[in-house]
Amino acid sequence: MKKKIKRIGIGVLSVVLFGGLVWASEDAYIIGKQAMPLMEEGGTARAMAMGSTAVGVPQGSASLFWNPAGLGGLDNCAELGLHHATGLGDSNNETAVIGVPMGTMGGFAASVNYVDNGTFEGRDSVGNKTGNYTAGDMGGALGWGKQLSPGISAGVAVKYNRQKLDSKAYSAYAADVGLLWNPLSSFNMGLTYSDIGTKVAGSDIDSGFRVGASYDVNKDMLLAVASELNPAGFYRLQAGIEEYVDPSVALRAGYVHSFTDSKIEDLTGLTVGMGVQIVKNIMFDYAYLPYGELGSSHRLSLTCKFSCPKKAEEQVAEAKPAAVVVPKSEPVVESNVVVLEKLVILDDSHFLFDKTTLTEAGAKIVVQNAQVLKENPDVKIRIAGYASCSGTEEYNQKLSERRASAVEAILIKEGGISPDRLTTIGYGETRPAEHEASCKIIDSKEAKANMRVLFEIIVK
């Protein structure tokens, strides 16, 4: 009898949790009176291993599942993610997502998903077997995110799902809107309002808020927390941690506490997982997710970056940061932008250690060179940030972007330069000035040379 109850429970939970966008029936809903419970059961193994705390963590293409504002932080590479989940009976969940950076237009992502919940025994009200039935669904999503100003991004995602339960099928459209705020270089805060959509079988979709925050303790450790709030109150609280024990190996853990009694086992308790960088642009992630008496689920993710900018082989000549006259050198074409000359080179010593905040000397250099820009009002400047290979690729990408944005902010606020004359770009570790023999040596001459911000006079 206990096995039968467990089997039925797995069937119901599979429909609810792996159903993606929609779950509804003509009978009373098991958890409440609304369709589509506000749950974060989709997405990457990385996020799930950290207790689903991803609303305040930029996730590249996978931001589509958690907070579309994170799509505004896609780096210069396109990204393909393949996500697979098994467990809870015969359920299998397959999802593919692709993210594409579009420069000043922000970042776009699209996903498709398919869920097969297996075959279940059907029984009438007195327990007699009536035959087997199947359950599953398929759907997709489109999302867009953009950085509106330094440190603030917004995004939106639209979703469609069609779910089949025995002979009945239900379809729905929904949307998520999100914000991501980066008040400090190592701190992010996220907010989404999820599942704004159509009715399903006469019931409103269960929409609500998701809030979260993340903090980069250092290059190797990330802490994150999140929670969910719907009209009935707080649904659950989540906490997670990620630590790189090696430049290519990350260990993760999370904890999920539910505030409501759903009458069936929910994802709750300790979650664990790990990530392994197979090669430079390919990451494999795994997550183990407990569902109490219903057993466990396993989630696998494979993320591949492609169409990345090629590494520049040229060396940057050492020079003291100082005002330079408008150059007369021949233009060099780079990424559809003509770079005439580098006005200023700010090296790592001009920033606080591992931060985007400029030192007093660094800020003074920026303000001094603002005068050169004022004397040449027709000149436009691109501020390019770079990083060494120490730490994770994602962290280095964000650090280079934020340092470039910090320099831009001083030029505008302190130097009086019009924002329309300035653009920023972060190359992360993709364009080193010098080859680093070992990424573990963070204070090598080569690493310091690669941690830099350049002013570049440009013609588009």
Protein backbone atom coordinates (compact mmCIF):
# COMPACT_ATOMS: atom_id res chain seq x y z
CA MET A 1 0.00 0.00 0.00
CA LYS A 2 2.82 2.37 0.89
CA LYS A 3 4.46 1.72 -2.50
CA LYS A 4 1.17 2.47 -4.25
CA ILE A 5 0.78 5.79 -2.37
CA LYS A 6 4.36 6.68 -3.22
CA ARG A 7 3.72 5.84 -6.88
CA ILE A 8 0.61 8.03 -7.00
CA GLY A 9 2.43 10.82 -5.20
CA ILE A 10 5.27 10.70 -7.71
CA GLY A 11 2.78 10.92 -10.55
CA VAL A 12 1.04 13.98 -9.12
CA LEU A 13 4.30 15.67 -8.19
CA SER A 14 5.79 15.02 -11.61
CA VAL A 15 2.89 16.83 -13.22
CA VAL A 16 3.19 19.76 -10.79
CA LEU A 17 6.95 20.14 -10.63
CA PHE A 18 8.12 19.08 -14.06
CA GLY A 19 5.12 20.57 -15.84
CA GLY A 20 7.11 23.69 -16.65
CA LEU A 21 4.61 26.52 -17.09
CA VAL A 22 1.17 25.14 -16.35
CA TRP A 23 -0.69 22.68 -14.17
CA ALA A 24 -4.47 22.69 -13.88
CA SER A 25 -7.48 20.42 -13.78
CA GLU A 26 -11.23 20.67 -13.41
CA ASP A 27 -10.94 19.42 -9.85
CA ALA A 28 -9.78 21.51 -6.91
CA TYR A 29 -6.06 22.25 -7.07
CA ILE A 30 -4.11 20.25 -4.53
CA ILE A 31 -2.05 23.14 -3.12
CA GLY A 32 -4.39 26.09 -3.64
CA LYS A 33 -7.02 27.48 -5.93
CA GLN A 34 -4.69 28.70 -8.64
CA ALA A 35 -2.95 27.01 -11.55
CA MET A 36 0.80 26.95 -12.04
CA PRO A 37 2.33 27.08 -8.54
CA LEU A 38 5.25 29.49 -8.20
CA MET A 39 8.13 27.03 -8.21
CA GLU A 40 11.66 27.20 -9.58
CA GLU A 41 12.11 23.63 -10.73
CA GLY A 42 13.53 24.51 -14.15
CA GLY A 43 16.88 25.79 -15.20
CA THR A 44 20.45 24.73 -14.62
CA ALA A 45 22.01 22.14 -12.36
CA ARG A 46 24.23 24.91 -11.00
CA ALA A 47 21.29 26.93 -9.70
CA MET A 48 19.39 23.90 -8.38
CA ALA A 49 22.45 22.63 -6.49
CA MET A 50 22.61 26.02 -4.75
CA GLY A 51 19.03 25.71 -3.50
CA SER A 52 17.44 27.54 -6.47
CA THR A 53 18.94 30.85 -5.31
CA ALA A 54 19.50 32.19 -8.83
CA VAL A 55 17.19 35.23 -8.97
CA GLY A 56 20.04 37.45 -7.74
CA VAL A 57 22.80 35.60 -9.64
CA PRO A 58 23.54 36.47 -13.29
CA GLN A 59 23.33 33.10 -15.07
CA GLY A 60 24.15 33.83 -18.69
CA SER A 61 21.62 32.20 -21.02
CA ALA A 62 19.99 30.41 -18.04
CA SER A 63 18.90 33.79 -16.66
CA LEU A 64 15.88 33.19 -18.91
CA PHE A 65 14.59 30.71 -16.30
CA TRP A 66 15.22 32.77 -13.17
CA ASN A 67 15.56 36.50 -13.84
CA PRO A 68 15.57 37.75 -17.48
CA ALA A 69 17.38 40.92 -16.41
CA GLY A 70 20.51 38.75 -16.17
CA LEU A 71 20.46 38.39 -19.97
CA GLY A 72 21.77 41.95 -20.11
CA GLY A 73 25.04 40.62 -18.72
CA LEU A 74 25.74 38.10 -21.48
CA ASP A 75 29.41 38.39 -22.40
CA ASN A 76 30.75 38.59 -25.95
CA CYS A 77 30.15 34.87 -26.53
CA ALA A 78 27.00 33.11 -27.69
CA GLU A 79 25.92 30.32 -25.32
CA LEU A 80 24.12 27.00 -25.70
CA GLY A 81 22.82 25.11 -22.67
CA LEU A 82 21.45 21.55 -22.59
CA HIS A 83 19.69 20.53 -19.37
CA HIS A 84 18.42 17.09 -18.39
CA ALA A 85 16.54 15.92 -15.28
CA THR A 86 15.60 12.43 -14.14
CA GLY A 87 14.07 10.89 -11.04
CA LEU A 88 10.67 10.92 -9.32
CA GLY A 89 9.44 7.80 -11.03
CA ASP A 90 9.89 7.69 -14.78
CA SER A 91 10.02 11.45 -15.32
CA ASN A 92 12.48 12.89 -17.81
CA ASN A 93 12.89 16.59 -18.53
CA GLU A 94 14.87 17.91 -21.52
CA THR A 95 15.55 21.61 -22.04
CA ALA A 96 17.69 23.50 -24.54
CA VAL A 97 18.43 27.21 -24.30
CA ILE A 98 20.52 29.53 -26.44
CA GLY A 99 21.69 33.01 -25.51
CA VAL A 100 23.04 35.62 -27.92
CA PRO A 101 24.63 38.98 -27.00
CA MET A 102 23.45 41.84 -29.20
CA GLY A 103 25.76 44.65 -28.17
CA THR A 104 23.90 47.84 -27.30
CA MET A 105 20.58 46.02 -27.73
CA GLY A 106 21.34 43.78 -24.72
CA GLY A 107 21.09 40.01 -24.70
CA PHE A 108 18.47 37.59 -26.06
CA ALA A 109 17.68 33.99 -25.17
CA ALA A 110 15.26 31.30 -26.36
CA SER A 111 14.46 27.87 -24.94
CA VAL A 112 12.42 24.77 -25.75
CA ASN A 113 11.51 22.05 -23.27
CA TYR A 114 9.93 18.62 -23.29
CA VAL A 115 8.77 16.61 -20.30
CA ASP A 116 7.77 12.94 -20.23
CA ASN A 117 6.30 11.98 -16.87
CA GLY A 118 5.92 8.33 -17.77
CA THR A 119 2.96 5.98 -17.51
CA PHE A 120 0.67 5.68 -14.48
CA GLU A 121 -2.11 3.37 -13.32
CA GLY A 122 -5.57 4.85 -13.48
CA ARG A 123 -8.16 3.88 -10.86
CA ASP A 124 -11.75 4.84 -10.17
CA SER A 125 -13.16 6.24 -6.90
CA VAL A 126 -13.29 2.81 -5.24
CA GLY A 127 -9.82 1.78 -6.33
CA ASN A 128 -10.59 -0.40 -9.35
CA LYS A 129 -8.03 -0.23 -12.14
CA THR A 130 -9.30 1.63 -15.20
CA GLY A 131 -6.20 1.49 -17.38
CA ASN A 132 -2.93 3.33 -17.76
CA TYR A 133 -2.51 7.00 -18.62
CA THR A 134 0.41 9.26 -19.53
CA ALA A 135 1.35 12.80 -18.61
CA GLY A 136 3.79 15.28 -20.08
CA ASP A 137 4.21 18.68 -21.61
CA MET A 138 6.20 20.80 -24.03
CA GLY A 139 6.78 24.51 -24.37
CA GLY A 140 9.22 27.31 -24.95
CA ALA A 141 10.29 30.79 -23.90
CA LEU A 142 11.82 33.97 -25.33
CA GLY A 143 13.63 36.53 -23.20
CA TRP A 144 15.51 39.81 -23.42
CA GLY A 145 17.60 41.75 -20.93
CA LYS A 146 19.58 45.00 -21.09
CA GLN A 147 21.76 47.10 -18.85
CA LEU A 148 19.83 50.36 -18.48
CA SER A 149 22.59 52.19 -16.60
CA PRO A 150 25.78 51.18 -14.80
CA GLY A 151 24.73 48.59 -12.22
CA ILE A 152 21.04 48.33 -13.20
CA SER A 153 19.56 45.84 -15.69
CA ALA A 154 15.99 44.95 -16.63
CA GLY A 155 14.48 42.11 -18.62
CA VAL A 156 11.31 40.35 -19.73
CA ALA A 157 10.49 36.79 -20.79
CA VAL A 158 7.38 35.37 -22.48
CA LYS A 159 6.52 31.68 -22.17
CA TYR A 160 4.14 29.15 -23.65
CA ASN A 161 3.35 25.66 -22.45
CA ARG A 162 0.99 22.88 -23.46
CA GLN A 163 0.46 20.10 -20.96
CA LYS A 164 -1.31 16.82 -21.42
CA LEU A 165 -2.75 14.77 -18.58
CA ASP A 166 -4.42 11.58 -19.80
CA SER A 167 -6.93 12.69 -22.47
CA LYS A 168 -7.01 16.34 -21.37
CA ALA A 169 -4.70 19.07 -22.58
CA TYR A 170 -4.13 22.56 -21.20
CA SER A 171 -2.26 25.51 -22.70
CA ALA A 172 -1.19 28.83 -21.29
CA TYR A 173 0.87 31.92 -21.96
CA ALA A 174 2.79 33.73 -19.25
CA ALA A 175 5.46 36.38 -18.75
CA ASP A 176 8.18 37.27 -16.25
CA VAL A 177 9.65 40.73 -15.65
CA GLY A 178 12.86 41.22 -13.72
CA LEU A 179 15.35 43.71 -12.34
CA LEU A 180 18.98 43.18 -11.36
CA TRP A 181 20.88 45.75 -9.30
CA ASN A 182 24.64 45.73 -8.78
CA PRO A 183 25.27 48.45 -6.15
CA LEU A 184 28.74 47.07 -5.35
CA SER A 185 31.23 45.18 -7.51
CA SER A 186 30.74 41.94 -5.57
CA PHE A 187 27.05 42.28 -4.61
CA ASN A 188 23.90 41.72 -6.70
CA MET A 189 20.21 42.00 -5.85
CA GLY A 190 17.44 40.55 -8.02
CA LEU A 191 13.66 40.90 -8.18
CA THR A 192 11.17 39.25 -10.54
CA TYR A 193 7.43 39.16 -10.83
CA SER A 194 6.77 35.79 -12.39
CA ASP A 195 3.97 34.07 -14.28
CA ILE A 196 1.77 36.94 -15.38
CA GLY A 197 -0.56 35.13 -17.73
CA THR A 198 -3.81 33.69 -18.95
CA LYS A 199 -6.29 31.56 -17.03
CA VAL A 200 -6.08 27.79 -17.18
CA ALA A 201 -9.29 25.75 -16.90
CA GLY A 202 -10.95 28.75 -15.26
CA SER A 203 -8.20 29.25 -12.69
CA ASP A 204 -5.79 32.17 -12.49
CA ILE A 205 -2.11 31.42 -12.92
CA ASP A 206 -0.29 31.50 -9.58
CA SER A 207 1.94 34.53 -10.00
CA GLY A 208 4.17 36.14 -7.41
CA PHE A 209 7.46 37.78 -6.51
CA ARG A 210 10.88 36.21 -6.33
CA VAL A 211 13.64 38.12 -4.54
CA GLY A 212 17.28 37.26 -4.06
CA ALA A 213 20.81 38.49 -3.52
CA SER A 214 24.32 37.18 -4.14
CA TYR A 215 27.74 38.13 -2.82
CA ASP A 216 31.16 37.26 -4.26
CA VAL A 217 33.21 36.70 -1.11
CA ASN A 218 36.28 36.41 -3.32
CA LYS A 219 37.13 35.10 -6.81
CA ASP A 220 36.37 31.53 -5.75
CA MET A 221 33.38 31.76 -3.39
CA LEU A 222 29.79 32.90 -4.01
CA LEU A 223 26.99 33.15 -1.44
CA ALA A 224 23.32 33.53 -2.43
CA VAL A 225 19.89 33.75 -0.78
CA ALA A 226 16.38 33.92 -2.24
CA SER A 227 12.72 33.75 -1.32
CA GLU A 228 9.30 33.62 -2.96
CA LEU A 229 6.19 35.60 -2.07
CA ASN A 230 2.68 35.14 -3.46
CA PRO A 231 -0.72 36.39 -2.23
CA ALA A 232 -0.78 33.63 0.40
CA GLY A 233 2.53 34.81 1.90
CA PHE A 234 6.09 33.52 1.82
CA TYR A 235 6.34 30.22 0.02
CA ARG A 236 9.90 29.21 0.82
CA LEU A 237 13.36 30.45 1.77
CA GLN A 238 16.56 29.35 0.03
CA ALA A 239 20.29 29.70 0.67
CA GLY A 240 23.25 28.48 -1.38
CA ILE A 241 27.01 28.50 -1.66
CA GLU A 242 29.47 27.85 -4.49
CA GLU A 243 33.22 27.48 -4.09
CA TYR A 244 35.88 26.76 -6.69
CA VAL A 245 38.31 24.34 -5.05
CA ASP A 246 40.28 24.40 -8.30
CA PRO A 247 40.08 26.82 -11.26
CA SER A 248 38.09 24.16 -13.13
CA VAL A 249 36.13 22.46 -10.29
CA ALA A 250 33.30 23.99 -8.25
CA LEU A 251 31.48 22.45 -5.27
CA ARG A 252 27.95 23.64 -4.45
CA ALA A 253 25.38 23.22 -1.71
CA GLY A 254 22.03 24.76 -0.80
CA TYR A 255 19.18 24.56 1.66
CA VAL A 256 15.47 24.98 0.90
CA HIS A 257 12.86 25.56 3.60
CA SER A 258 9.16 25.53 2.67
CA PHE A 259 6.66 27.55 4.70
CA THR A 260 3.55 25.83 3.34
CA ASP A 261 2.18 22.32 3.64
CA SER A 262 1.47 21.21 0.07
CA LYS A 263 0.18 17.75 1.14
CA ILE A 264 2.85 16.23 -1.12
CA GLU A 265 6.61 16.25 -0.78
CA ASP A 266 8.25 19.38 -2.17
CA LEU A 267 11.91 20.09 -2.84
CA THR A 268 13.11 20.81 0.67
CA GLY A 269 16.22 20.29 2.75
CA LEU A 270 19.83 20.02 1.59
CA THR A 271 20.78 20.15 -2.10
CA VAL A 272 24.30 19.45 -3.39
CA GLY A 273 26.18 19.43 -6.66
CA MET A 274 29.34 20.27 -8.52
CA GLY A 275 30.61 21.79 -11.74
CA VAL A 276 33.58 20.82 -13.90
CA GLN A 277 35.07 22.92 -16.68
CA ILE A 278 35.78 20.27 -19.32
CA VAL A 279 37.62 22.63 -21.65
CA LYS A 280 37.89 26.42 -21.84
CA ASN A 281 34.34 27.07 -23.07
CA ILE A 282 32.44 23.95 -21.95
CA MET A 283 31.05 23.47 -18.42
CA PHE A 284 29.37 20.35 -17.00
CA ASP A 285 27.16 20.68 -13.89
CA TYR A 286 25.38 18.15 -11.68
CA ALA A 287 22.78 18.57 -8.91
CA TYR A 288 21.25 16.13 -6.43
CA LEU A 289 17.76 17.17 -5.27
CA PRO A 290 15.85 15.43 -2.42
CA TYR A 291 12.06 15.09 -2.38
CA GLY A 292 11.56 13.25 0.89
CA GLU A 293 9.66 9.97 0.68
CA LEU A 294 9.19 10.43 -3.06
CA GLY A 295 12.89 9.90 -3.65
CA SER A 296 15.40 12.14 -5.36
CA SER A 297 15.99 13.87 -8.67
CA HIS A 298 19.21 14.31 -10.60
CA ARG A 299 19.87 17.28 -12.88
CA LEU A 300 22.63 17.50 -15.47
CA SER A 301 23.67 20.56 -17.48
CA LEU A 302 26.13 21.08 -20.29
CA THR A 303 26.87 24.69 -21.25
CA CYS A 304 28.96 25.62 -24.25
CA LYS A 305 30.15 29.07 -25.31
CA PHE A 306 30.96 29.76 -28.95
CA SER A 307 31.56 32.60 -31.41
CA CYS A 308 33.79 34.21 -28.80
CA PRO A 309 36.08 37.10 -29.77
CA LYS A 310 39.52 35.94 -30.83
CA LYS A 311 42.39 36.68 -28.48
CA ALA A 312 44.59 39.56 -29.55
CA GLU A 313 48.24 38.62 -29.91
CA GLU A 314 49.62 42.14 -29.84
CA GLN A 315 51.44 43.33 -26.75
CA VAL A 316 50.52 46.57 -25.02
CA ALA A 317 53.53 48.83 -24.57
CA GLU A 318 54.18 49.96 -21.01
CA ALA A 319 53.49 53.62 -20.54
CA LYS A 320 52.75 55.98 -17.70
CA PRO A 321 49.10 57.15 -17.67
CA ALA A 322 49.21 60.73 -18.85
CA ALA A 323 47.38 63.13 -21.09
CA VAL A 324 48.11 62.48 -24.77
CA VAL A 325 47.31 64.66 -27.75
CA VAL A 326 44.77 63.46 -30.30
CA PRO A 327 46.63 60.81 -32.32
CA LYS A 328 47.51 60.86 -36.00
CA SER A 329 48.22 57.16 -36.42
CA GLU A 330 46.60 55.07 -39.11
CA PRO A 331 43.32 53.43 -38.04
CA VAL A 332 43.20 49.73 -37.18
CA VAL A 333 39.93 47.87 -37.65
CA GLU A 334 38.82 45.84 -34.61
CA SER A 335 35.35 44.34 -34.16
CA ASN A 336 33.71 46.82 -36.58
CA VAL A 337 35.27 49.71 -34.67
CA VAL A 338 38.27 51.75 -35.85
CA VAL A 339 40.62 52.23 -32.89
CA LEU A 340 42.93 55.15 -33.55
CA GLU A 341 45.02 54.99 -30.39
CA LYS A 342 44.96 54.16 -26.71
CA LEU A 343 44.91 57.40 -24.72
CA VAL A 344 45.36 56.00 -21.22
CA ILE A 345 46.30 52.68 -19.68
CA LEU A 346 45.01 52.16 -16.15
CA ASP A 347 46.64 49.09 -14.67
CA ASP A 348 45.58 46.96 -11.70
CA SER A 349 47.43 49.23 -9.25
CA HIS A 350 44.95 52.02 -10.02
CA PHE A 351 42.09 49.97 -8.55
CA LEU A 352 41.51 48.64 -5.05
CA PHE A 353 42.47 44.96 -4.82
CA ASP A 354 39.94 42.75 -6.63
CA LYS A 355 37.47 45.70 -6.76
CA THR A 356 36.09 48.16 -9.29
CA THR A 357 36.76 51.17 -7.06
CA LEU A 358 39.56 53.39 -8.34
CA THR A 359 42.33 54.46 -5.99
CA GLU A 360 42.85 58.18 -5.39
CA ALA A 361 45.71 58.17 -7.90
CA GLY A 362 43.64 56.29 -10.48
CA ALA A 363 40.69 58.67 -10.17
CA LYS A 364 43.04 61.66 -10.53
CA ILE A 365 44.42 60.27 -13.79
CA VAL A 366 40.91 59.82 -15.19
CA VAL A 367 39.91 63.40 -14.32
CA GLN A 368 43.15 64.80 -15.78
CA ASN A 369 42.53 63.04 -19.08
CA ALA A 370 38.95 64.29 -19.17
CA GLN A 371 40.48 67.67 -20.03
CA VAL A 372 41.93 66.16 -23.23
CA LEU A 373 38.43 65.03 -24.19
CA LYS A 374 37.00 68.49 -23.50
CA GLU A 375 39.62 70.04 -25.76
CA ASN A 376 38.62 67.61 -28.54
CA PRO A 377 34.79 67.59 -28.45
CA ASP A 378 34.43 65.53 -31.63
CA VAL A 379 36.41 62.60 -30.25
CA LYS A 380 34.50 59.60 -28.96
CA ILE A 381 36.00 57.19 -26.45
CA ARG A 382 35.53 53.49 -25.83
CA ILE A 383 36.53 52.35 -22.34
CA ALA A 384 37.68 48.75 -22.51
CA GLY A 385 38.18 46.54 -19.45
CA TYR A 386 40.37 43.44 -19.34
CA ALA A 387 41.25 40.81 -16.73
CA SER A 388 43.82 38.15 -15.97
CA CYS A 389 42.90 34.47 -16.18
CA SER A 390 42.94 33.96 -12.40
CA GLY A 391 39.49 33.05 -11.09
CA THR A 392 36.43 31.96 -13.03
CA GLU A 393 35.73 33.20 -16.55
CA GLU A 394 32.35 34.59 -15.46
CA TYR A 395 33.86 36.50 -12.53
CA ASN A 396 36.63 37.98 -14.68
CA GLN A 397 34.11 39.04 -17.33
CA LYS A 398 31.99 40.87 -14.76
CA LEU A 399 35.04 42.49 -13.14
CA SER A 400 36.31 43.85 -16.47
CA GLU A 401 32.86 45.25 -17.34
CA ARG A 402 32.42 46.88 -13.93
CA ARG A 403 35.85 48.47 -13.95
CA ALA A 404 35.14 49.98 -17.35
CA SER A 405 31.78 51.27 -16.05
CA ALA A 406 33.47 52.75 -12.96
CA VAL A 407 35.89 54.73 -15.14
CA GLU A 408 32.98 55.91 -17.32
CA ALA A 409 31.08 57.11 -14.24
CA ILE A 410 34.03 59.26 -13.09
CA LEU A 411 34.45 60.78 -16.57
CA ILE A 412 30.78 61.77 -16.53
CA LYS A 413 30.41 62.90 -12.91
CA GLU A 414 33.83 64.37 -12.20
CA GLY A 415 35.12 65.12 -15.69
CA GLY A 416 31.93 66.56 -17.12
CA ILE A 417 32.04 64.43 -20.28
CA SER A 418 28.74 63.83 -22.07
CA PRO A 419 27.60 60.17 -21.81
CA ASP A 420 26.89 60.00 -25.55
CA ARG A 421 30.62 60.35 -26.22
CA LEU A 422 31.45 57.27 -24.15
CA THR A 423 30.89 53.54 -24.53
CA THR A 424 32.14 50.65 -22.39
CA ILE A 425 33.03 47.06 -23.15
CA GLY A 426 34.45 44.23 -21.04
CA TYR A 427 36.67 41.58 -22.58
CA GLY A 428 37.31 39.65 -19.39
CA GLU A 429 40.25 37.29 -19.86
CA THR A 430 39.71 36.80 -23.62
CA ARG A 431 42.31 39.35 -24.80
CA PRO A 432 45.42 39.13 -22.64
CA ALA A 433 48.29 41.56 -23.16
CA GLU A 434 50.75 38.89 -22.02
CA HIS A 435 50.52 35.10 -21.84
CA GLU A 436 50.11 33.76 -18.29
CA ALA A 437 51.96 30.50 -17.68
CA SER A 438 49.78 29.75 -14.64
CA CYS A 439 46.39 31.25 -13.76
CA LYS A 440 46.98 30.38 -10.09
CA ILE A 441 49.71 33.01 -9.72
CA ILE A 442 47.57 36.11 -9.25
CA ASP A 443 50.44 38.57 -8.67
CA SER A 444 52.66 37.60 -11.59
CA LYS A 445 53.97 40.29 -13.95
CA GLU A 446 51.81 38.87 -16.73
CA ALA A 447 48.65 38.79 -14.59
CA LYS A 448 49.14 42.42 -13.54
CA ALA A 449 49.67 43.43 -17.17
CA ASN A 450 46.38 41.77 -18.14
CA MET A 451 44.36 43.54 -15.41
CA ARG A 452 43.86 46.86 -17.15
CA VAL A 453 41.40 49.45 -18.45
CA LEU A 454 42.13 51.34 -21.68
CA PHE A 455 40.79 54.58 -23.15
CA GLU A 456 40.49 54.12 -26.90
CA ILE A 457 39.69 56.83 -29.43
CA ILE A 458 37.18 55.26 -31.81
CA VAL A 459 35.37 55.86 -35.06
CA LYS A 460 32.29 53.68 -35.66
